[in-house]
Amino acid sequence: MRGTKAARRYRAIDLTMFALMVVVFESIVVVAARKWFPAQAFTVSVVPAVVAIVMIRWGPWAAIHAVLGGAAFCYMSGAGIKQYVIYCIGSLTSLLAPLLVKAMGGGEEVRRSAFKTLGFGLCAALLMQAGRFMTALLLGASAEAALGFFTTESVTLLFTLLILWIARRLDGVLEDQYHYLLRLRAEEEKERG
């Protein structure tokens, strides 16, 4: 199933749809924040939630969405090159979250357990913020300024948990997609026979 042309095409379409979602929604969030809440110290981002979902669905392919989300945020914010590096490279540390998935018993177990779903989402978001924090420090930011990646994105943590809570309730959304396709095929064969 994994190597078939149909599976590769499905993966490409699915990854493209999630890439468009992350870019469009992150852009909307940034524009709305700049227009309606310019004095707010907090930011909201869809990137950790989308990256967490794509990690469960496709594994390391989520790196594309981590970088795209960071780039969309920077572009819409009018950021400089250092911010692009911080947000694009720093966001990649969220890709360490699947190690937690293995420790929890796999992606299927994460989907079945609300506690594990929320733990995975929290881990992915915190790893993303930690990566941005470390990248900012490496690029010369003060510890106080870099700490802002944690303090200003506290609402993002809640947003990520909410999105994952909803996603786990939708059939096939928070599931390894090869497993999902095999499950659908088995269900279709059972109905026929």
N, C-alpha and C. Protein backbone atom coordinates (compact mmCIF):
# COMPACT_ATOMS: atom_id res chain seq x y z
N MET A 1 0.83 -1.20 0.00
CA MET A 1 0.00 0.00 0.00
C MET A 1 0.87 1.25 0.00
N ARG A 2 1.93 1.26 0.81
CA ARG A 2 2.74 2.48 0.96
C ARG A 2 3.40 2.92 -0.33
N GLY A 3 3.85 1.98 -1.14
CA GLY A 3 4.60 2.33 -2.33
C GLY A 3 3.77 2.48 -3.58
N THR A 4 2.48 2.29 -3.48
CA THR A 4 1.65 2.35 -4.68
C THR A 4 1.51 3.78 -5.18
N LYS A 5 1.26 3.86 -6.47
CA LYS A 5 1.09 5.17 -7.09
C LYS A 5 -0.11 5.91 -6.50
N ALA A 6 -1.18 5.19 -6.24
CA ALA A 6 -2.39 5.81 -5.67
C ALA A 6 -2.11 6.35 -4.27
N ALA A 7 -1.35 5.61 -3.47
CA ALA A 7 -1.03 6.06 -2.11
C ALA A 7 -0.13 7.29 -2.16
N ARG A 8 0.82 7.31 -3.06
CA ARG A 8 1.70 8.49 -3.19
C ARG A 8 0.90 9.72 -3.65
N ARG A 9 -0.03 9.49 -4.57
CA ARG A 9 -0.86 10.60 -5.05
C ARG A 9 -1.75 11.12 -3.91
N TYR A 10 -2.34 10.21 -3.15
CA TYR A 10 -3.16 10.61 -2.00
C TYR A 10 -2.34 11.41 -1.00
N ARG A 11 -1.12 10.93 -0.71
CA ARG A 11 -0.24 11.65 0.22
C ARG A 11 0.07 13.04 -0.30
N ALA A 12 0.38 13.17 -1.58
CA ALA A 12 0.71 14.48 -2.16
C ALA A 12 -0.48 15.43 -2.06
N ILE A 13 -1.67 14.94 -2.36
CA ILE A 13 -2.87 15.79 -2.28
C ILE A 13 -3.12 16.20 -0.83
N ASP A 14 -3.03 15.23 0.08
CA ASP A 14 -3.28 15.51 1.49
C ASP A 14 -2.28 16.51 2.05
N LEU A 15 -1.00 16.31 1.76
CA LEU A 15 0.03 17.23 2.23
C LEU A 15 -0.15 18.62 1.65
N THR A 16 -0.55 18.69 0.39
CA THR A 16 -0.79 19.99 -0.24
C THR A 16 -1.96 20.72 0.41
N MET A 17 -3.04 19.98 0.71
CA MET A 17 -4.19 20.61 1.37
C MET A 17 -3.81 21.14 2.74
N PHE A 18 -3.05 20.37 3.51
CA PHE A 18 -2.63 20.85 4.83
C PHE A 18 -1.65 22.02 4.70
N ALA A 19 -0.82 22.01 3.67
CA ALA A 19 0.11 23.13 3.45
C ALA A 19 -0.68 24.41 3.15
N LEU A 20 -1.68 24.30 2.31
CA LEU A 20 -2.52 25.46 2.01
C LEU A 20 -3.24 25.94 3.26
N MET A 21 -3.75 25.00 4.05
CA MET A 21 -4.43 25.38 5.30
C MET A 21 -3.51 26.14 6.22
N VAL A 22 -2.30 25.64 6.41
CA VAL A 22 -1.39 26.29 7.37
C VAL A 22 -1.01 27.68 6.88
N VAL A 23 -0.77 27.85 5.60
CA VAL A 23 -0.39 29.16 5.07
C VAL A 23 -1.57 30.13 5.14
N VAL A 24 -2.74 29.70 4.69
CA VAL A 24 -3.90 30.59 4.67
C VAL A 24 -4.32 30.97 6.09
N PHE A 25 -4.47 29.98 6.98
CA PHE A 25 -4.94 30.29 8.33
C PHE A 25 -3.92 31.07 9.14
N GLU A 26 -2.64 30.76 8.96
CA GLU A 26 -1.62 31.53 9.68
C GLU A 26 -1.60 32.97 9.19
N SER A 27 -1.77 33.16 7.90
CA SER A 27 -1.82 34.52 7.34
C SER A 27 -3.02 35.29 7.87
N ILE A 28 -4.17 34.63 7.92
CA ILE A 28 -5.38 35.28 8.44
C ILE A 28 -5.19 35.68 9.90
N VAL A 29 -4.62 34.78 10.70
CA VAL A 29 -4.41 35.04 12.12
C VAL A 29 -3.48 36.24 12.30
N VAL A 30 -2.41 36.31 11.53
CA VAL A 30 -1.45 37.42 11.66
C VAL A 30 -2.09 38.74 11.25
N VAL A 31 -2.80 38.73 10.13
CA VAL A 31 -3.45 39.96 9.67
C VAL A 31 -4.49 40.42 10.68
N ALA A 32 -5.29 39.49 11.19
CA ALA A 32 -6.32 39.84 12.18
C ALA A 32 -5.69 40.41 13.46
N ALA A 33 -4.61 39.78 13.89
CA ALA A 33 -3.93 40.26 15.11
C ALA A 33 -3.35 41.66 14.89
N ARG A 34 -2.76 41.90 13.75
CA ARG A 34 -2.17 43.22 13.48
C ARG A 34 -3.24 44.29 13.32
N LYS A 35 -4.38 43.91 12.74
CA LYS A 35 -5.43 44.89 12.47
C LYS A 35 -6.30 45.17 13.70
N TRP A 36 -6.72 44.10 14.40
CA TRP A 36 -7.68 44.27 15.48
C TRP A 36 -7.08 44.26 16.88
N PHE A 37 -5.92 43.63 17.04
CA PHE A 37 -5.32 43.52 18.37
C PHE A 37 -3.83 43.89 18.36
N PRO A 38 -3.49 45.05 17.84
CA PRO A 38 -2.07 45.40 17.69
C PRO A 38 -1.34 45.56 19.02
N ALA A 39 -2.03 45.86 20.09
CA ALA A 39 -1.37 46.10 21.38
C ALA A 39 -1.26 44.84 22.23
N GLN A 40 -1.82 43.73 21.75
CA GLN A 40 -1.79 42.50 22.54
C GLN A 40 -0.38 41.91 22.59
N ALA A 41 0.00 41.42 23.76
CA ALA A 41 1.30 40.79 23.92
C ALA A 41 1.26 39.32 23.51
N PHE A 42 0.07 38.77 23.34
CA PHE A 42 -0.06 37.35 23.01
C PHE A 42 -0.28 37.15 21.52
N THR A 43 0.17 36.01 21.04
CA THR A 43 -0.08 35.64 19.65
C THR A 43 -0.76 34.28 19.62
N VAL A 44 -1.47 34.03 18.53
CA VAL A 44 -2.11 32.74 18.32
C VAL A 44 -1.59 32.22 17.00
N SER A 45 -1.32 30.92 16.95
CA SER A 45 -0.80 30.30 15.74
C SER A 45 -1.47 28.95 15.53
N VAL A 46 -1.75 28.63 14.27
CA VAL A 46 -2.29 27.31 13.93
C VAL A 46 -1.19 26.32 13.60
N VAL A 47 0.04 26.80 13.49
CA VAL A 47 1.14 25.96 13.03
C VAL A 47 1.36 24.73 13.92
N PRO A 48 1.46 24.87 15.25
CA PRO A 48 1.69 23.65 16.05
C PRO A 48 0.58 22.61 15.89
N ALA A 49 -0.66 23.05 15.79
CA ALA A 49 -1.77 22.11 15.63
C ALA A 49 -1.70 21.38 14.29
N VAL A 50 -1.49 22.13 13.22
CA VAL A 50 -1.42 21.52 11.89
C VAL A 50 -0.21 20.58 11.80
N VAL A 51 0.92 21.02 12.32
CA VAL A 51 2.12 20.18 12.28
C VAL A 51 1.89 18.90 13.08
N ALA A 52 1.24 19.00 14.23
CA ALA A 52 0.96 17.80 15.05
C ALA A 52 0.05 16.83 14.29
N ILE A 53 -0.97 17.35 13.64
CA ILE A 53 -1.88 16.49 12.87
C ILE A 53 -1.14 15.82 11.73
N VAL A 54 -0.34 16.58 10.99
CA VAL A 54 0.39 16.01 9.85
C VAL A 54 1.43 15.00 10.34
N MET A 55 2.02 15.23 11.51
CA MET A 55 2.98 14.26 12.06
C MET A 55 2.31 12.91 12.29
N ILE A 56 1.10 12.93 12.84
CA ILE A 56 0.38 11.68 13.06
C ILE A 56 0.01 11.04 11.72
N ARG A 57 -0.40 11.86 10.77
CA ARG A 57 -0.85 11.35 9.47
C ARG A 57 0.29 10.84 8.61
N TRP A 58 1.41 11.59 8.56
CA TRP A 58 2.46 11.28 7.58
C TRP A 58 3.87 11.27 8.15
N GLY A 59 4.03 11.47 9.43
CA GLY A 59 5.37 11.43 10.02
C GLY A 59 6.22 12.64 9.65
N PRO A 60 7.47 12.39 9.22
CA PRO A 60 8.41 13.50 8.99
C PRO A 60 8.03 14.46 7.87
N TRP A 61 7.03 14.12 7.08
CA TRP A 61 6.58 15.07 6.06
C TRP A 61 6.07 16.36 6.69
N ALA A 62 5.79 16.33 7.97
CA ALA A 62 5.31 17.52 8.69
C ALA A 62 6.36 18.63 8.71
N ALA A 63 7.59 18.31 8.39
CA ALA A 63 8.64 19.34 8.33
C ALA A 63 8.27 20.43 7.32
N ILE A 64 7.64 20.03 6.24
CA ILE A 64 7.22 21.00 5.22
C ILE A 64 6.28 22.03 5.84
N HIS A 65 5.34 21.56 6.63
CA HIS A 65 4.32 22.42 7.22
C HIS A 65 4.89 23.29 8.34
N ALA A 66 5.87 22.76 9.05
CA ALA A 66 6.54 23.56 10.09
C ALA A 66 7.25 24.76 9.46
N VAL A 67 7.96 24.51 8.37
CA VAL A 67 8.69 25.58 7.69
C VAL A 67 7.72 26.55 7.01
N LEU A 68 6.72 26.02 6.32
CA LEU A 68 5.74 26.89 5.65
C LEU A 68 4.99 27.78 6.64
N GLY A 69 4.60 27.20 7.77
CA GLY A 69 3.90 27.99 8.79
C GLY A 69 4.76 29.11 9.33
N GLY A 70 6.03 28.80 9.60
CA GLY A 70 6.95 29.83 10.07
C GLY A 70 7.16 30.91 9.03
N ALA A 71 7.30 30.49 7.77
CA ALA A 71 7.52 31.46 6.68
C ALA A 71 6.28 32.34 6.48
N ALA A 72 5.09 31.75 6.57
CA ALA A 72 3.85 32.54 6.41
C ALA A 72 3.74 33.58 7.52
N PHE A 73 4.04 33.15 8.76
CA PHE A 73 3.99 34.09 9.88
C PHE A 73 4.96 35.25 9.64
N CYS A 74 6.17 34.93 9.25
CA CYS A 74 7.20 35.96 9.04
C CYS A 74 6.83 36.89 7.88
N TYR A 75 6.37 36.31 6.79
CA TYR A 75 6.02 37.12 5.63
C TYR A 75 4.90 38.10 5.97
N MET A 76 3.86 37.58 6.60
CA MET A 76 2.71 38.45 6.93
C MET A 76 3.04 39.46 8.02
N SER A 77 4.07 39.18 8.82
CA SER A 77 4.49 40.10 9.88
C SER A 77 5.51 41.11 9.40
N GLY A 78 6.01 40.94 8.18
CA GLY A 78 7.06 41.83 7.67
C GLY A 78 8.38 41.60 8.39
N ALA A 79 8.68 40.37 8.71
CA ALA A 79 9.87 40.03 9.50
C ALA A 79 11.15 40.11 8.67
N GLY A 80 12.26 40.20 9.39
CA GLY A 80 13.57 40.19 8.78
C GLY A 80 14.12 38.78 8.66
N ILE A 81 15.30 38.65 8.10
CA ILE A 81 15.90 37.34 7.83
C ILE A 81 16.11 36.53 9.11
N LYS A 82 16.50 37.20 10.21
CA LYS A 82 16.70 36.46 11.47
C LYS A 82 15.40 35.81 11.94
N GLN A 83 14.30 36.53 11.81
CA GLN A 83 13.02 35.96 12.23
C GLN A 83 12.64 34.77 11.36
N TYR A 84 12.93 34.85 10.07
CA TYR A 84 12.66 33.71 9.18
C TYR A 84 13.43 32.49 9.66
N VAL A 85 14.70 32.69 9.98
CA VAL A 85 15.52 31.56 10.46
C VAL A 85 14.95 31.02 11.76
N ILE A 86 14.62 31.91 12.68
CA ILE A 86 14.09 31.49 13.99
C ILE A 86 12.80 30.71 13.81
N TYR A 87 11.87 31.21 13.04
CA TYR A 87 10.56 30.57 12.90
C TYR A 87 10.58 29.34 12.00
N CYS A 88 11.38 29.37 10.95
CA CYS A 88 11.40 28.23 10.03
C CYS A 88 12.26 27.08 10.56
N ILE A 89 13.46 27.39 11.00
CA ILE A 89 14.36 26.34 11.50
C ILE A 89 13.94 25.92 12.90
N GLY A 90 13.63 26.87 13.74
CA GLY A 90 13.24 26.57 15.11
C GLY A 90 12.00 25.70 15.20
N SER A 91 11.07 25.88 14.27
CA SER A 91 9.83 25.09 14.29
C SER A 91 10.07 23.61 14.01
N LEU A 92 11.17 23.29 13.39
CA LEU A 92 11.46 21.90 13.05
C LEU A 92 11.68 21.02 14.28
N THR A 93 11.99 21.62 15.42
CA THR A 93 12.21 20.80 16.62
C THR A 93 10.93 20.09 17.06
N SER A 94 9.78 20.55 16.60
CA SER A 94 8.53 19.87 16.93
C SER A 94 8.51 18.46 16.35
N LEU A 95 9.37 18.19 15.38
CA LEU A 95 9.41 16.87 14.76
C LEU A 95 9.99 15.81 15.69
N LEU A 96 10.44 16.23 16.86
CA LEU A 96 10.88 15.26 17.87
C LEU A 96 9.68 14.66 18.61
N ALA A 97 8.51 15.24 18.47
CA ALA A 97 7.32 14.77 19.17
C ALA A 97 6.95 13.32 18.85
N PRO A 98 7.18 12.81 17.63
CA PRO A 98 6.85 11.41 17.38
C PRO A 98 7.61 10.42 18.29
N LEU A 99 8.72 10.85 18.85
CA LEU A 99 9.39 9.99 19.83
C LEU A 99 8.47 9.75 21.01
N LEU A 100 7.71 10.78 21.37
CA LEU A 100 6.73 10.66 22.44
C LEU A 100 5.60 9.73 22.02
N VAL A 101 5.22 9.80 20.75
CA VAL A 101 4.15 8.93 20.24
C VAL A 101 4.55 7.46 20.39
N LYS A 102 5.79 7.15 20.05
CA LYS A 102 6.26 5.77 20.20
C LYS A 102 6.23 5.35 21.66
N ALA A 103 6.64 6.25 22.54
CA ALA A 103 6.65 5.95 23.98
C ALA A 103 5.22 5.74 24.50
N MET A 104 4.23 6.37 23.86
CA MET A 104 2.83 6.25 24.29
C MET A 104 2.14 5.03 23.69
N GLY A 105 2.83 4.32 22.82
CA GLY A 105 2.21 3.13 22.22
C GLY A 105 1.82 3.29 20.76
N GLY A 106 2.26 4.35 20.11
CA GLY A 106 1.96 4.55 18.69
C GLY A 106 0.85 5.54 18.44
N GLY A 107 0.70 5.92 17.17
CA GLY A 107 -0.26 6.93 16.77
C GLY A 107 -1.71 6.54 17.05
N GLU A 108 -2.02 5.25 16.91
CA GLU A 108 -3.37 4.79 17.16
C GLU A 108 -3.75 4.98 18.63
N GLU A 109 -2.80 4.75 19.51
CA GLU A 109 -3.03 4.93 20.94
C GLU A 109 -3.21 6.41 21.27
N VAL A 110 -2.47 7.27 20.59
CA VAL A 110 -2.61 8.72 20.80
C VAL A 110 -4.00 9.17 20.38
N ARG A 111 -4.51 8.62 19.29
CA ARG A 111 -5.84 8.99 18.81
C ARG A 111 -6.94 8.50 19.75
N ARG A 112 -6.78 7.34 20.30
CA ARG A 112 -7.83 6.76 21.16
C ARG A 112 -7.93 7.43 22.53
N SER A 113 -6.82 7.90 23.05
CA SER A 113 -6.79 8.45 24.40
C SER A 113 -6.78 9.98 24.37
N ALA A 114 -7.77 10.60 24.95
CA ALA A 114 -7.82 12.06 24.99
C ALA A 114 -6.61 12.61 25.71
N PHE A 115 -6.22 11.97 26.81
CA PHE A 115 -5.06 12.41 27.58
C PHE A 115 -3.79 12.36 26.72
N LYS A 116 -3.61 11.29 25.97
CA LYS A 116 -2.42 11.16 25.12
C LYS A 116 -2.46 12.10 23.94
N THR A 117 -3.65 12.35 23.41
CA THR A 117 -3.78 13.33 22.32
C THR A 117 -3.33 14.70 22.79
N LEU A 118 -3.84 15.11 23.95
CA LEU A 118 -3.49 16.43 24.48
C LEU A 118 -2.02 16.49 24.88
N GLY A 119 -1.49 15.40 25.42
CA GLY A 119 -0.06 15.34 25.77
C GLY A 119 0.82 15.48 24.53
N PHE A 120 0.42 14.82 23.46
CA PHE A 120 1.17 14.92 22.21
C PHE A 120 1.13 16.34 21.66
N GLY A 121 -0.06 16.95 21.65
CA GLY A 121 -0.19 18.33 21.16
C GLY A 121 0.61 19.31 21.98
N LEU A 122 0.57 19.15 23.29
CA LEU A 122 1.35 20.01 24.18
C LEU A 122 2.85 19.84 23.91
N CYS A 123 3.27 18.61 23.77
CA CYS A 123 4.68 18.33 23.50
C CYS A 123 5.12 18.95 22.17
N ALA A 124 4.31 18.77 21.13
CA ALA A 124 4.66 19.33 19.81
C ALA A 124 4.78 20.85 19.87
N ALA A 125 3.81 21.50 20.53
CA ALA A 125 3.83 22.96 20.61
C ALA A 125 5.01 23.46 21.45
N LEU A 126 5.26 22.81 22.57
CA LEU A 126 6.38 23.23 23.43
C LEU A 126 7.73 22.99 22.76
N LEU A 127 7.85 21.88 22.03
CA LEU A 127 9.10 21.64 21.29
C LEU A 127 9.31 22.70 20.22
N MET A 128 8.24 23.12 19.57
CA MET A 128 8.34 24.17 18.55
C MET A 128 8.81 25.47 19.19
N GLN A 129 8.22 25.82 20.32
CA GLN A 129 8.62 27.05 21.02
C GLN A 129 10.05 26.94 21.53
N ALA A 130 10.43 25.77 22.02
CA ALA A 130 11.80 25.57 22.50
C ALA A 130 12.80 25.70 21.36
N GLY A 131 12.44 25.19 20.20
CA GLY A 131 13.32 25.32 19.04
C GLY A 131 13.50 26.76 18.62
N ARG A 132 12.44 27.51 18.65
CA ARG A 132 12.54 28.94 18.33
C ARG A 132 13.36 29.67 19.38
N PHE A 133 13.16 29.32 20.63
CA PHE A 133 13.93 29.89 21.74
C PHE A 133 15.42 29.64 21.53
N MET A 134 15.79 28.38 21.27
CA MET A 134 17.21 28.03 21.10
C MET A 134 17.81 28.68 19.86
N THR A 135 17.04 28.72 18.78
CA THR A 135 17.53 29.34 17.55
C THR A 135 17.75 30.83 17.76
N ALA A 136 16.84 31.47 18.47
CA ALA A 136 16.99 32.91 18.76
C ALA A 136 18.24 33.16 19.60
N LEU A 137 18.48 32.29 20.59
CA LEU A 137 19.69 32.44 21.41
C LEU A 137 20.95 32.28 20.56
N LEU A 138 20.95 31.30 19.66
CA LEU A 138 22.10 31.07 18.78
C LEU A 138 22.35 32.25 17.85
N LEU A 139 21.29 32.96 17.52
CA LEU A 139 21.42 34.13 16.63
C LEU A 139 21.68 35.42 17.40
N GLY A 140 21.91 35.30 18.72
CA GLY A 140 22.33 36.46 19.50
C GLY A 140 21.26 37.16 20.31
N ALA A 141 20.05 36.62 20.35
CA ALA A 141 19.01 37.25 21.16
C ALA A 141 19.31 37.05 22.64
N SER A 142 18.86 37.97 23.46
CA SER A 142 19.03 37.81 24.90
C SER A 142 18.08 36.72 25.38
N ALA A 143 18.39 36.12 26.51
CA ALA A 143 17.53 35.07 27.07
C ALA A 143 16.14 35.62 27.36
N GLU A 144 16.08 36.86 27.82
CA GLU A 144 14.79 37.49 28.13
C GLU A 144 13.94 37.64 26.87
N ALA A 145 14.57 38.10 25.79
CA ALA A 145 13.84 38.27 24.53
C ALA A 145 13.41 36.91 23.97
N ALA A 146 14.30 35.92 24.04
CA ALA A 146 13.99 34.59 23.52
C ALA A 146 12.90 33.90 24.33
N LEU A 147 12.82 34.22 25.60
CA LEU A 147 11.80 33.64 26.46
C LEU A 147 10.40 34.04 26.00
N GLY A 148 10.33 35.10 25.24
CA GLY A 148 9.05 35.56 24.69
C GLY A 148 8.36 34.53 23.82
N PHE A 149 9.12 33.59 23.26
CA PHE A 149 8.50 32.55 22.45
C PHE A 149 7.59 31.65 23.30
N PHE A 150 7.87 31.56 24.58
CA PHE A 150 7.02 30.78 25.47
C PHE A 150 5.88 31.64 26.03
N THR A 151 6.21 32.83 26.46
CA THR A 151 5.20 33.66 27.14
C THR A 151 4.15 34.20 26.18
N THR A 152 4.56 34.64 25.00
CA THR A 152 3.58 35.23 24.08
C THR A 152 2.72 34.18 23.39
N GLU A 153 3.14 32.93 23.40
CA GLU A 153 2.39 31.89 22.69
C GLU A 153 1.60 30.97 23.62
N SER A 154 1.32 31.43 24.83
CA SER A 154 0.55 30.59 25.75
C SER A 154 -0.86 30.32 25.22
N VAL A 155 -1.44 31.26 24.51
CA VAL A 155 -2.76 31.07 23.92
C VAL A 155 -2.67 30.03 22.80
N THR A 156 -1.55 30.00 22.10
CA THR A 156 -1.34 29.01 21.05
C THR A 156 -1.40 27.60 21.62
N LEU A 157 -0.87 27.42 22.82
CA LEU A 157 -0.93 26.09 23.45
C LEU A 157 -2.39 25.65 23.62
N LEU A 158 -3.21 26.54 24.13
CA LEU A 158 -4.63 26.22 24.33
C LEU A 158 -5.33 25.96 22.99
N PHE A 159 -4.99 26.76 22.01
CA PHE A 159 -5.57 26.63 20.67
C PHE A 159 -5.18 25.27 20.06
N THR A 160 -3.93 24.89 20.23
CA THR A 160 -3.44 23.61 19.72
C THR A 160 -4.20 22.46 20.38
N LEU A 161 -4.35 22.52 21.69
CA LEU A 161 -5.06 21.46 22.41
C LEU A 161 -6.52 21.36 21.96
N LEU A 162 -7.16 22.50 21.74
CA LEU A 162 -8.55 22.50 21.29
C LEU A 162 -8.67 21.86 19.90
N ILE A 163 -7.80 22.25 18.99
CA ILE A 163 -7.85 21.70 17.62
C ILE A 163 -7.61 20.19 17.65
N LEU A 164 -6.64 19.73 18.43
CA LEU A 164 -6.37 18.30 18.49
C LEU A 164 -7.51 17.54 19.16
N TRP A 165 -8.12 18.15 20.16
CA TRP A 165 -9.28 17.54 20.82
C TRP A 165 -10.40 17.29 19.79
N ILE A 166 -10.63 18.28 18.95
CA ILE A 166 -11.65 18.14 17.90
C ILE A 166 -11.21 17.13 16.85
N ALA A 167 -9.96 17.20 16.42
CA ALA A 167 -9.45 16.32 15.37
C ALA A 167 -9.52 14.85 15.76
N ARG A 168 -9.30 14.55 17.03
CA ARG A 168 -9.31 13.14 17.45
C ARG A 168 -10.71 12.55 17.38
N ARG A 169 -11.72 13.40 17.38
CA ARG A 169 -13.11 12.93 17.33
C ARG A 169 -13.59 12.71 15.89
N LEU A 170 -12.84 13.22 14.92
CA LEU A 170 -13.23 13.08 13.51
C LEU A 170 -12.54 11.85 12.91
N ASP A 171 -13.32 11.01 12.29
CA ASP A 171 -12.81 9.75 11.76
C ASP A 171 -11.69 9.97 10.74
N GLY A 172 -10.55 9.40 11.02
CA GLY A 172 -9.44 9.41 10.08
C GLY A 172 -8.56 10.65 10.09
N VAL A 173 -8.94 11.69 10.80
CA VAL A 173 -8.15 12.92 10.77
C VAL A 173 -6.84 12.75 11.55
N LEU A 174 -6.92 12.22 12.74
CA LEU A 174 -5.74 12.05 13.58
C LEU A 174 -5.33 10.58 13.57
N GLU A 175 -4.99 10.09 12.38
CA GLU A 175 -4.67 8.68 12.18
C GLU A 175 -3.62 8.55 11.09
N ASP A 176 -2.69 7.62 11.28
CA ASP A 176 -1.72 7.30 10.23
C ASP A 176 -2.53 6.99 8.97
N GLN A 177 -2.24 7.69 7.89
CA GLN A 177 -3.08 7.60 6.71
C GLN A 177 -2.95 6.28 5.97
N TYR A 178 -1.82 5.59 6.05
CA TYR A 178 -1.72 4.26 5.45
C TYR A 178 -2.62 3.30 6.22
N HIS A 179 -2.61 3.42 7.55
CA HIS A 179 -3.51 2.61 8.38
C HIS A 179 -4.96 2.94 8.06
N TYR A 180 -5.26 4.20 7.90
CA TYR A 180 -6.61 4.64 7.59
C TYR A 180 -7.09 4.06 6.26
N LEU A 181 -6.25 4.12 5.23
CA LEU A 181 -6.63 3.59 3.93
C LEU A 181 -6.86 2.08 3.99
N LEU A 182 -6.00 1.36 4.71
CA LEU A 182 -6.18 -0.07 4.87
C LEU A 182 -7.47 -0.38 5.63
N ARG A 183 -7.76 0.41 6.63
CA ARG A 183 -8.98 0.23 7.41
C ARG A 183 -10.22 0.46 6.54
N LEU A 184 -10.18 1.50 5.71
CA LEU A 184 -11.31 1.77 4.80
C LEU A 184 -11.50 0.63 3.81
N ARG A 185 -10.39 0.14 3.27
CA ARG A 185 -10.47 -0.97 2.32
C ARG A 185 -11.09 -2.20 2.99
N ALA A 186 -10.66 -2.51 4.21
CA ALA A 186 -11.20 -3.66 4.95
C ALA A 186 -12.69 -3.48 5.21
N GLU A 187 -13.11 -2.27 5.56
CA GLU A 187 -14.53 -2.01 5.82
C GLU A 187 -15.35 -2.17 4.55
N GLU A 188 -14.81 -1.71 3.40
CA GLU A 188 -15.52 -1.85 2.13
C GLU A 188 -15.66 -3.31 1.75
N GLU A 189 -14.60 -4.10 1.94
CA GLU A 189 -14.65 -5.52 1.62
C GLU A 189 -15.62 -6.26 2.52
N LYS A 190 -15.69 -5.84 3.78
CA LYS A 190 -16.62 -6.47 4.73
C LYS A 190 -18.06 -6.19 4.32
N GLU A 191 -18.34 -4.97 3.85
CA GLU A 191 -19.69 -4.61 3.42
C GLU A 191 -20.09 -5.39 2.16
N ARG A 192 -19.12 -5.62 1.27
CA ARG A 192 -19.41 -6.35 0.02
C ARG A 192 -19.64 -7.83 0.26
N GLY A 193 -18.89 -8.38 1.21
CA GLY A 193 -18.88 -9.82 1.28
C GLY A 193 -19.48 -10.44 2.42
